[in-house]
Amino acid sequence: MQQALSRPAKAAPFAAPSDWPVLSPAYDPWDPIRSLQRYGRHELTSVELTVTHLCNMRCEHCAVGDSLTMSEAPHLPLDLLFRRLDEVRHLETISMTGGEPTFRLETVKNVLLPVLKYARERGIRTQLNSNVTMDFERYELIASDLDVMHISFNYTQAEDFHRVGFARTGRNVRPEATSKLYERMIDNARRLSEGGLLVSAESMINYRTHESIADIHRLIVEMGCWRHEVHPMYPSSFASSLPAISRQQMLEAVRTLLDVRHPDVWMLFGTLPFFACSENEEERGIVARLREETNVTVRNDPDGRNRVNVNLFSGDVYVTDFASVPPFGNIRSEKLDDVFAKWREHPMQQAINCHCPAAGCCGPNLLVQDMYYRDVDFTTRRAIP
């Protein structure tokens, strides 16, 4: 049985309304398994917004690195966005991503804050994907209306941050400058968490981190983060040329985390290539352990299941962040539920449209299917006791 994390006893300025359900291992509205169980099929409950193509970093593993720019185009009118969001029948969550959404103060004030206010008024949960390296006052403007601050953390020291986070800048960035950003990131994350905001630090399991994941987890705990989110790195965008690690190395990293993790920190794993229907006994064993551990969850991938991404510059609607799937529609002329309905019937989605009630599993996403299971029909498989 999963347990909710404890919340600060004293009044917290960034905490969600007291009468709202607490985000916890028992309540994760981003997981598509919830809507699948409720409606009997995948429904659109989550919308992700690309709000900027600017970023002060160029991480080597960035999934959208090829779309980053040096100047910003005008955003679409927010009244169009809000009209489309109003039309989503089962909307539960909104996420905002980039680029770095807080890079420009204008974006914070003119896009992030209005969207967050809209979501609060509708009772919709929100997440912002940020590197939290800007001045704290920028995050203070939005924190009281935000539910989850999602950050990337793949480092054991400032040197790692410099090496990983500025690998593709195309210019010489001084370690002294990036060291200050590293310290600011840690301080901002700690202050936001102390203020009652759920700070979720995501780590990639890759060639740099799989042997140091225990130290990364320790630092995340020391930062005060309430959740540590862990995903294997798959070849996409900038990361397509990086060395890949084996499934066995991924498994060992997961096992290490389970052995050393802080029991009060919510561990959220996602996009793992391990399934309860696997013919590999060791992989089934790690899946079983993940299900049994307290404060540990495995989130089914929202992309293409209960979530679409809307580009706030072009209006294009994408069904998945990382696979090479062209836009399925545009909010200038189409309702989001209609776009999602087209995708639900698409052969590419049907190929991975499996659900195993015994395991609470929706199967692999498109990247995992393509990398490890090209010849496997998951719709015919079930969990092995």
Protein backbone atom coordinates (compact mmCIF):
# COMPACT_ATOMS: atom_id res chain seq x y z
CA MET A 1 0.00 0.00 0.00
CA GLN A 2 1.45 3.38 -1.02
CA GLN A 3 1.70 6.20 1.50
CA ALA A 4 1.36 9.92 0.86
CA LEU A 5 4.32 12.08 1.75
CA SER A 6 4.03 14.36 4.75
CA ARG A 7 3.49 18.06 4.17
CA PRO A 8 4.97 21.01 6.07
CA ALA A 9 3.11 21.49 9.35
CA LYS A 10 3.22 25.29 9.23
CA ALA A 11 1.49 27.48 6.68
CA ALA A 12 3.23 27.14 3.32
CA PRO A 13 2.85 29.99 0.80
CA PHE A 14 3.26 27.73 -2.24
CA ALA A 15 1.03 24.86 -1.11
CA ALA A 16 -2.07 23.86 -3.10
CA PRO A 17 -5.51 24.73 -1.70
CA SER A 18 -6.09 22.77 1.48
CA ASP A 19 -9.29 21.16 0.20
CA TRP A 20 -7.59 19.74 -2.91
CA PRO A 21 -6.40 16.10 -2.90
CA VAL A 22 -2.70 15.77 -2.12
CA LEU A 23 -0.47 14.72 -5.01
CA SER A 24 1.09 11.48 -3.83
CA PRO A 25 1.89 7.91 -4.87
CA ALA A 26 -1.81 7.19 -4.40
CA TYR A 27 -2.92 10.16 -6.53
CA ASP A 28 -1.00 10.97 -9.71
CA PRO A 29 -3.43 12.55 -12.23
CA TRP A 30 -0.78 12.51 -14.98
CA ASP A 31 -0.84 8.69 -15.15
CA PRO A 32 -3.06 7.50 -18.04
CA ILE A 33 -4.02 4.35 -16.14
CA ARG A 34 -6.49 6.46 -14.13
CA SER A 35 -8.50 7.66 -17.11
CA LEU A 36 -8.29 4.23 -18.77
CA GLN A 37 -9.76 2.59 -15.70
CA ARG A 38 -12.42 5.29 -15.35
CA TYR A 39 -13.59 5.58 -18.96
CA GLY A 40 -12.71 2.16 -20.37
CA ARG A 41 -10.42 3.65 -23.02
CA HIS A 42 -7.74 6.31 -23.28
CA GLU A 43 -9.20 9.81 -23.06
CA LEU A 44 -7.51 13.20 -23.29
CA THR A 45 -7.05 14.34 -19.68
CA SER A 46 -3.69 16.12 -19.93
CA VAL A 47 -2.44 18.93 -22.15
CA GLU A 48 1.20 20.01 -22.39
CA LEU A 49 2.05 23.45 -23.72
CA THR A 50 5.32 24.39 -25.42
CA VAL A 51 5.61 28.00 -24.29
CA THR A 52 9.12 28.87 -25.45
CA HIS A 53 11.95 27.80 -27.75
CA LEU A 54 14.55 29.76 -25.78
CA CYS A 55 16.88 28.30 -23.17
CA ASN A 56 20.00 29.39 -21.31
CA MET A 57 21.30 25.81 -21.38
CA ARG A 58 21.97 23.18 -24.06
CA CYS A 59 21.86 19.85 -22.25
CA GLU A 60 23.38 16.97 -24.18
CA HIS A 61 20.35 14.74 -23.49
CA CYS A 62 17.71 17.39 -24.31
CA ALA A 63 14.69 15.83 -26.03
CA VAL A 64 13.77 19.10 -27.79
CA GLY A 65 17.26 20.44 -28.37
CA ASP A 66 16.87 20.63 -32.14
CA SER A 67 13.92 23.03 -31.80
CA LEU A 68 15.67 25.59 -29.58
CA THR A 69 16.18 29.04 -31.11
CA MET A 70 17.95 32.31 -30.38
CA SER A 71 14.84 34.51 -30.81
CA GLU A 72 11.19 34.09 -29.93
CA ALA A 73 8.21 34.23 -32.29
CA PRO A 74 4.88 35.74 -31.13
CA HIS A 75 2.58 33.51 -29.10
CA LEU A 76 -0.91 32.66 -30.26
CA PRO A 77 -3.68 34.59 -28.46
CA LEU A 78 -4.39 33.06 -25.07
CA ASP A 79 -8.14 33.40 -25.59
CA LEU A 80 -7.81 30.82 -28.41
CA LEU A 81 -5.91 28.49 -26.08
CA PHE A 82 -8.42 28.90 -23.25
CA ARG A 83 -11.30 28.25 -25.63
CA ARG A 84 -9.68 25.00 -26.74
CA LEU A 85 -8.93 23.98 -23.15
CA ASP A 86 -12.54 24.72 -22.19
CA GLU A 87 -13.61 22.22 -24.85
CA VAL A 88 -11.55 19.33 -23.44
CA ARG A 89 -14.19 17.18 -21.80
CA HIS A 90 -12.06 15.41 -19.18
CA LEU A 91 -9.14 17.81 -18.63
CA GLU A 92 -7.30 17.18 -15.34
CA THR A 93 -3.73 18.44 -15.81
CA ILE A 94 -1.78 21.10 -17.71
CA SER A 95 2.02 21.05 -18.08
CA MET A 96 4.22 23.81 -19.50
CA THR A 97 7.58 23.20 -21.08
CA GLY A 98 10.14 24.64 -23.49
CA GLY A 99 13.02 25.53 -23.74
CA GLU A 100 13.24 27.21 -20.39
CA PRO A 101 9.77 28.66 -19.68
CA THR A 102 11.12 31.26 -17.23
CA PHE A 103 13.94 32.50 -19.50
CA ARG A 104 12.01 35.69 -20.36
CA LEU A 105 10.12 37.60 -17.68
CA GLU A 106 7.54 38.50 -20.35
CA THR A 107 6.73 34.80 -20.79
CA VAL A 108 6.35 34.37 -17.04
CA LYS A 109 3.94 37.29 -16.74
CA ASN A 110 2.07 37.04 -20.04
CA VAL A 111 1.81 33.26 -20.51
CA LEU A 112 2.70 31.19 -17.45
CA LEU A 113 0.79 33.23 -14.89
CA PRO A 114 -2.45 33.52 -16.90
CA VAL A 115 -2.43 29.78 -17.67
CA LEU A 116 -1.81 28.93 -14.02
CA LYS A 117 -4.61 31.25 -12.89
CA TYR A 118 -6.93 29.64 -15.44
CA ALA A 119 -6.04 26.17 -14.15
CA ARG A 120 -6.52 27.13 -10.48
CA GLU A 121 -9.99 28.49 -11.24
CA ARG A 122 -10.95 25.21 -12.96
CA GLY A 123 -9.39 22.91 -10.35
CA ILE A 124 -6.83 21.60 -12.85
CA ARG A 125 -3.41 20.46 -11.58
CA THR A 126 -0.32 22.02 -13.16
CA GLN A 127 3.36 21.32 -13.74
CA LEU A 128 6.19 23.53 -14.99
CA ASN A 129 9.33 21.99 -16.51
CA SER A 130 12.20 24.34 -15.60
CA ASN A 131 15.91 24.32 -14.82
CA VAL A 132 15.24 26.83 -11.96
CA THR A 133 18.48 28.70 -12.66
CA MET A 134 16.88 32.17 -12.89
CA ASP A 135 16.42 34.64 -10.02
CA PHE A 136 14.16 33.24 -7.31
CA GLU A 137 11.76 36.17 -7.64
CA ARG A 138 10.77 34.87 -11.08
CA TYR A 139 9.57 31.58 -9.57
CA GLU A 140 7.99 33.34 -6.62
CA LEU A 141 5.61 35.06 -9.07
CA ILE A 142 4.04 31.75 -10.10
CA ALA A 143 4.75 29.27 -7.29
CA SER A 144 1.53 29.86 -5.33
CA ASP A 145 -0.55 28.88 -8.39
CA LEU A 146 1.62 25.91 -9.42
CA ASP A 147 1.34 22.28 -8.28
CA VAL A 148 4.61 20.69 -9.47
CA MET A 149 7.98 22.25 -10.28
CA HIS A 150 9.72 19.65 -12.43
CA ILE A 151 13.49 20.02 -12.77
CA SER A 152 16.24 17.93 -14.35
CA PHE A 153 19.01 16.81 -12.03
CA ASN A 154 21.74 14.51 -13.35
CA TYR A 155 24.72 15.77 -11.41
CA THR A 156 26.94 14.99 -8.44
CA GLN A 157 28.85 18.28 -8.57
CA ALA A 158 29.11 21.59 -10.43
CA GLU A 159 31.54 20.07 -12.93
CA ASP A 160 28.87 17.59 -14.05
CA PHE A 161 26.39 20.44 -14.48
CA HIS A 162 28.87 22.29 -16.69
CA ARG A 163 29.74 19.21 -18.74
CA VAL A 164 26.15 17.99 -19.26
CA GLY A 165 24.16 21.21 -19.28
CA PHE A 166 26.27 23.25 -21.68
CA ALA A 167 27.54 20.54 -24.00
CA ARG A 168 25.84 21.94 -27.12
CA THR A 169 26.11 25.70 -26.68
CA GLY A 170 28.54 26.12 -29.58
CA ARG A 171 30.60 28.57 -27.54
CA ASN A 172 32.95 28.55 -24.59
CA VAL A 173 30.99 28.85 -21.35
CA ARG A 174 33.20 29.48 -18.32
CA PRO A 175 32.93 26.95 -15.46
CA GLU A 176 32.86 29.85 -13.00
CA ALA A 177 29.60 31.09 -14.55
CA THR A 178 27.91 27.69 -14.66
CA SER A 179 28.97 26.95 -11.09
CA LYS A 180 26.95 29.95 -9.92
CA LEU A 181 23.94 28.70 -11.87
CA TYR A 182 24.35 25.27 -10.29
CA GLU A 183 24.31 26.73 -6.79
CA ARG A 184 21.31 28.92 -7.66
CA MET A 185 19.43 25.89 -9.01
CA ILE A 186 19.97 23.99 -5.77
CA ASP A 187 19.03 26.99 -3.63
CA ASN A 188 15.89 27.74 -5.66
CA ALA A 189 14.74 24.13 -5.50
CA ARG A 190 15.25 24.06 -1.74
CA ARG A 191 13.38 27.34 -1.18
CA LEU A 192 10.45 26.31 -3.36
CA SER A 193 10.17 22.99 -1.56
CA GLU A 194 10.34 24.64 1.83
CA GLY A 195 7.53 26.92 0.68
CA GLY A 196 5.23 23.94 0.14
CA LEU A 197 5.64 23.37 -3.61
CA LEU A 198 6.13 19.80 -4.81
CA VAL A 199 9.57 19.92 -6.43
CA SER A 200 10.13 16.84 -8.57
CA ALA A 201 13.72 16.25 -9.67
CA GLU A 202 14.06 14.03 -12.73
CA SER A 203 17.19 12.01 -13.40
CA MET A 204 18.04 10.17 -16.59
CA ILE A 205 19.57 6.71 -16.37
CA ASN A 206 22.29 6.97 -19.00
CA TYR A 207 25.97 6.38 -19.65
CA ARG A 208 26.95 9.20 -17.28
CA THR A 209 24.57 8.51 -14.40
CA HIS A 210 23.90 4.79 -14.12
CA GLU A 211 26.86 4.22 -11.78
CA SER A 212 26.40 7.44 -9.78
CA ILE A 213 22.60 7.38 -9.40
CA ALA A 214 22.84 6.77 -5.63
CA ASP A 215 24.87 9.97 -5.14
CA ILE A 216 22.44 11.89 -7.36
CA HIS A 217 19.54 10.66 -5.24
CA ARG A 218 21.30 11.73 -2.04
CA LEU A 219 21.77 15.27 -3.37
CA ILE A 220 18.12 15.43 -4.47
CA VAL A 221 17.06 14.48 -0.94
CA GLU A 222 19.40 17.11 0.52
CA MET A 223 17.79 19.71 -1.77
CA GLY A 224 14.48 18.97 -0.08
CA CYS A 225 12.73 17.61 -3.17
CA TRP A 226 9.58 15.66 -2.36
CA ARG A 227 9.84 13.46 -5.44
CA HIS A 228 12.65 11.86 -7.42
CA GLU A 229 11.56 10.98 -10.95
CA VAL A 230 13.70 8.52 -12.90
CA HIS A 231 13.65 7.63 -16.62
CA PRO A 232 16.09 5.77 -18.85
CA MET A 233 17.54 7.90 -21.65
CA TYR A 234 16.50 6.88 -25.15
CA PRO A 235 18.01 8.13 -28.42
CA SER A 236 16.12 11.30 -29.38
CA SER A 237 17.14 14.73 -30.68
CA PHE A 238 20.50 15.75 -29.14
CA ALA A 239 20.74 12.39 -27.37
CA SER A 240 20.64 10.37 -30.58
CA SER A 241 24.44 10.28 -30.83
CA LEU A 242 25.17 9.58 -27.16
CA PRO A 243 26.37 6.15 -26.00
CA ALA A 244 23.55 3.79 -25.04
CA ILE A 245 23.62 1.54 -21.99
CA SER A 246 22.21 -1.96 -21.80
CA ARG A 247 18.91 -3.01 -20.27
CA GLN A 248 20.92 -4.85 -17.63
CA GLN A 249 22.73 -1.63 -16.67
CA MET A 250 19.35 0.14 -16.46
CA LEU A 251 18.04 -2.64 -14.25
CA GLU A 252 21.06 -2.45 -11.94
CA ALA A 253 20.60 1.33 -11.60
CA VAL A 254 16.94 0.86 -10.64
CA ARG A 255 17.88 -1.83 -8.13
CA THR A 256 20.53 0.43 -6.61
CA LEU A 257 18.02 3.24 -6.18
CA LEU A 258 15.55 0.92 -4.48
CA ASP A 259 18.31 -0.25 -2.13
CA VAL A 260 19.53 3.21 -1.08
CA ARG A 261 16.53 5.52 -1.51
CA HIS A 262 15.19 7.74 1.26
CA PRO A 263 11.94 6.08 2.40
CA ASP A 264 10.03 9.38 2.73
CA VAL A 265 10.77 10.59 -0.81
CA TRP A 266 8.33 9.57 -3.53
CA MET A 267 10.25 7.64 -6.19
CA LEU A 268 8.50 7.84 -9.56
CA PHE A 269 9.86 5.67 -12.38
CA GLY A 270 8.74 6.03 -15.98
CA THR A 271 9.35 4.71 -19.51
CA LEU A 272 11.11 1.63 -18.12
CA PRO A 273 11.70 -1.20 -20.64
CA PHE A 274 10.68 -3.82 -18.05
CA PHE A 275 7.23 -5.41 -17.97
CA ALA A 276 5.29 -7.95 -15.94
CA CYS A 277 4.74 -9.94 -19.14
CA SER A 278 8.48 -10.24 -19.80
CA GLU A 279 10.00 -13.64 -20.47
CA ASN A 280 13.04 -12.48 -18.47
CA GLU A 281 12.63 -13.58 -14.85
CA GLU A 282 15.03 -10.94 -13.51
CA GLU A 283 13.09 -8.16 -15.23
CA ARG A 284 9.81 -9.51 -13.87
CA GLY A 285 11.44 -9.54 -10.45
CA ILE A 286 12.30 -5.83 -10.57
CA VAL A 287 8.76 -5.05 -11.77
CA ALA A 288 7.34 -6.96 -8.81
CA ARG A 289 9.64 -5.16 -6.39
CA LEU A 290 8.66 -1.77 -7.80
CA ARG A 291 5.00 -2.63 -7.18
CA GLU A 292 5.64 -3.70 -3.58
CA GLU A 293 7.85 -0.84 -2.37
CA THR A 294 6.28 1.94 -0.28
CA ASN A 295 6.36 5.45 -1.84
CA VAL A 296 7.43 3.99 -5.20
CA THR A 297 5.34 4.20 -8.37
CA VAL A 298 5.82 3.40 -12.04
CA ARG A 299 3.95 5.94 -14.16
CA ASN A 300 2.59 4.80 -17.50
CA ASP A 301 3.76 7.18 -20.21
CA PRO A 302 1.14 9.92 -20.81
CA ASP A 303 2.36 10.74 -24.34
CA GLY A 304 -0.11 9.48 -26.91
CA ARG A 305 -2.29 7.93 -24.19
CA ASN A 306 -3.94 10.74 -22.25
CA ARG A 307 -1.82 13.74 -23.28
CA VAL A 308 -1.11 15.92 -26.30
CA ASN A 309 1.40 18.74 -26.72
CA VAL A 310 0.29 22.11 -28.10
CA ASN A 311 2.87 24.43 -29.63
CA LEU A 312 1.79 27.92 -28.54
CA PHE A 313 3.52 29.54 -31.53
CA SER A 314 2.25 27.46 -34.46
CA GLY A 315 -0.81 25.90 -32.84
CA ASP A 316 0.36 22.45 -33.94
CA VAL A 317 -0.78 19.53 -31.82
CA TYR A 318 1.62 16.63 -31.24
CA VAL A 319 0.68 13.29 -29.76
CA THR A 320 4.12 12.47 -28.43
CA ASP A 321 7.14 14.50 -27.38
CA PHE A 322 9.95 12.23 -28.42
CA ALA A 323 8.98 9.92 -31.27
CA SER A 324 9.18 11.20 -34.85
CA VAL A 325 5.45 11.69 -35.32
CA PRO A 326 4.31 14.79 -37.26
CA PRO A 327 1.58 17.06 -35.85
CA PHE A 328 -1.91 15.54 -35.86
CA GLY A 329 -3.82 18.80 -35.98
CA ASN A 330 -3.85 22.50 -35.11
CA ILE A 331 -5.83 24.40 -32.48
CA ARG A 332 -6.55 27.18 -34.96
CA SER A 333 -9.11 24.95 -36.64
CA GLU A 334 -9.64 21.83 -34.50
CA LYS A 335 -10.79 20.83 -31.04
CA LEU A 336 -8.22 18.96 -28.98
CA ASP A 337 -10.61 16.09 -28.26
CA ASP A 338 -11.13 15.69 -32.02
CA VAL A 339 -7.38 15.61 -32.67
CA PHE A 340 -6.94 13.02 -29.93
CA ALA A 341 -9.77 10.91 -31.36
CA LYS A 342 -7.96 10.78 -34.72
CA TRP A 343 -4.80 9.60 -33.00
CA ARG A 344 -6.66 6.99 -30.96
CA GLU A 345 -7.70 5.26 -34.19
CA HIS A 346 -4.30 5.55 -35.88
CA PRO A 347 -2.47 2.27 -36.62
CA MET A 348 0.65 3.50 -34.81
CA GLN A 349 -1.32 4.01 -31.61
CA GLN A 350 -3.27 0.80 -32.03
CA ALA A 351 0.00 -1.14 -32.20
CA ILE A 352 0.80 -0.21 -28.58
CA ASN A 353 -2.77 0.08 -27.29
CA CYS A 354 -2.49 -2.64 -24.70
CA HIS A 355 -3.66 -2.76 -21.10
CA CYS A 356 -2.91 -5.39 -18.52
CA PRO A 357 -5.25 -4.87 -15.52
CA ALA A 358 -3.29 -7.34 -13.36
CA ALA A 359 -0.14 -5.24 -13.68
CA GLY A 360 -1.78 -1.80 -13.97
CA CYS A 361 0.29 -1.43 -17.15
CA CYS A 362 -0.35 0.28 -20.48
CA GLY A 363 2.66 -1.28 -22.19
CA PRO A 364 5.63 0.42 -23.86
CA ASN A 365 5.61 3.84 -25.44
CA LEU A 366 6.67 4.30 -29.07
CA LEU A 367 10.36 4.80 -28.25
CA VAL A 368 10.62 1.72 -26.03
CA GLN A 369 8.69 -0.35 -28.56
CA ASP A 370 10.99 0.74 -31.38
CA MET A 371 14.20 0.24 -29.41
CA TYR A 372 13.53 -3.12 -27.74
CA TYR A 373 10.28 -4.70 -28.91
CA ARG A 374 9.86 -4.15 -32.65
CA ASP A 375 8.59 -7.67 -33.27
CA VAL A 376 6.52 -8.03 -30.09
CA ASP A 377 2.72 -7.67 -30.06
CA PHE A 378 1.99 -6.45 -26.53
CA THR A 379 -1.77 -6.58 -27.15
CA THR A 380 -1.55 -10.38 -26.93
CA ARG A 381 0.58 -10.53 -23.76
CA ARG A 382 -0.42 -10.62 -20.11
CA ALA A 383 1.43 -10.51 -16.80
CA ILE A 384 3.20 -13.73 -15.87
CA PRO A 385 2.35 -14.79 -12.26
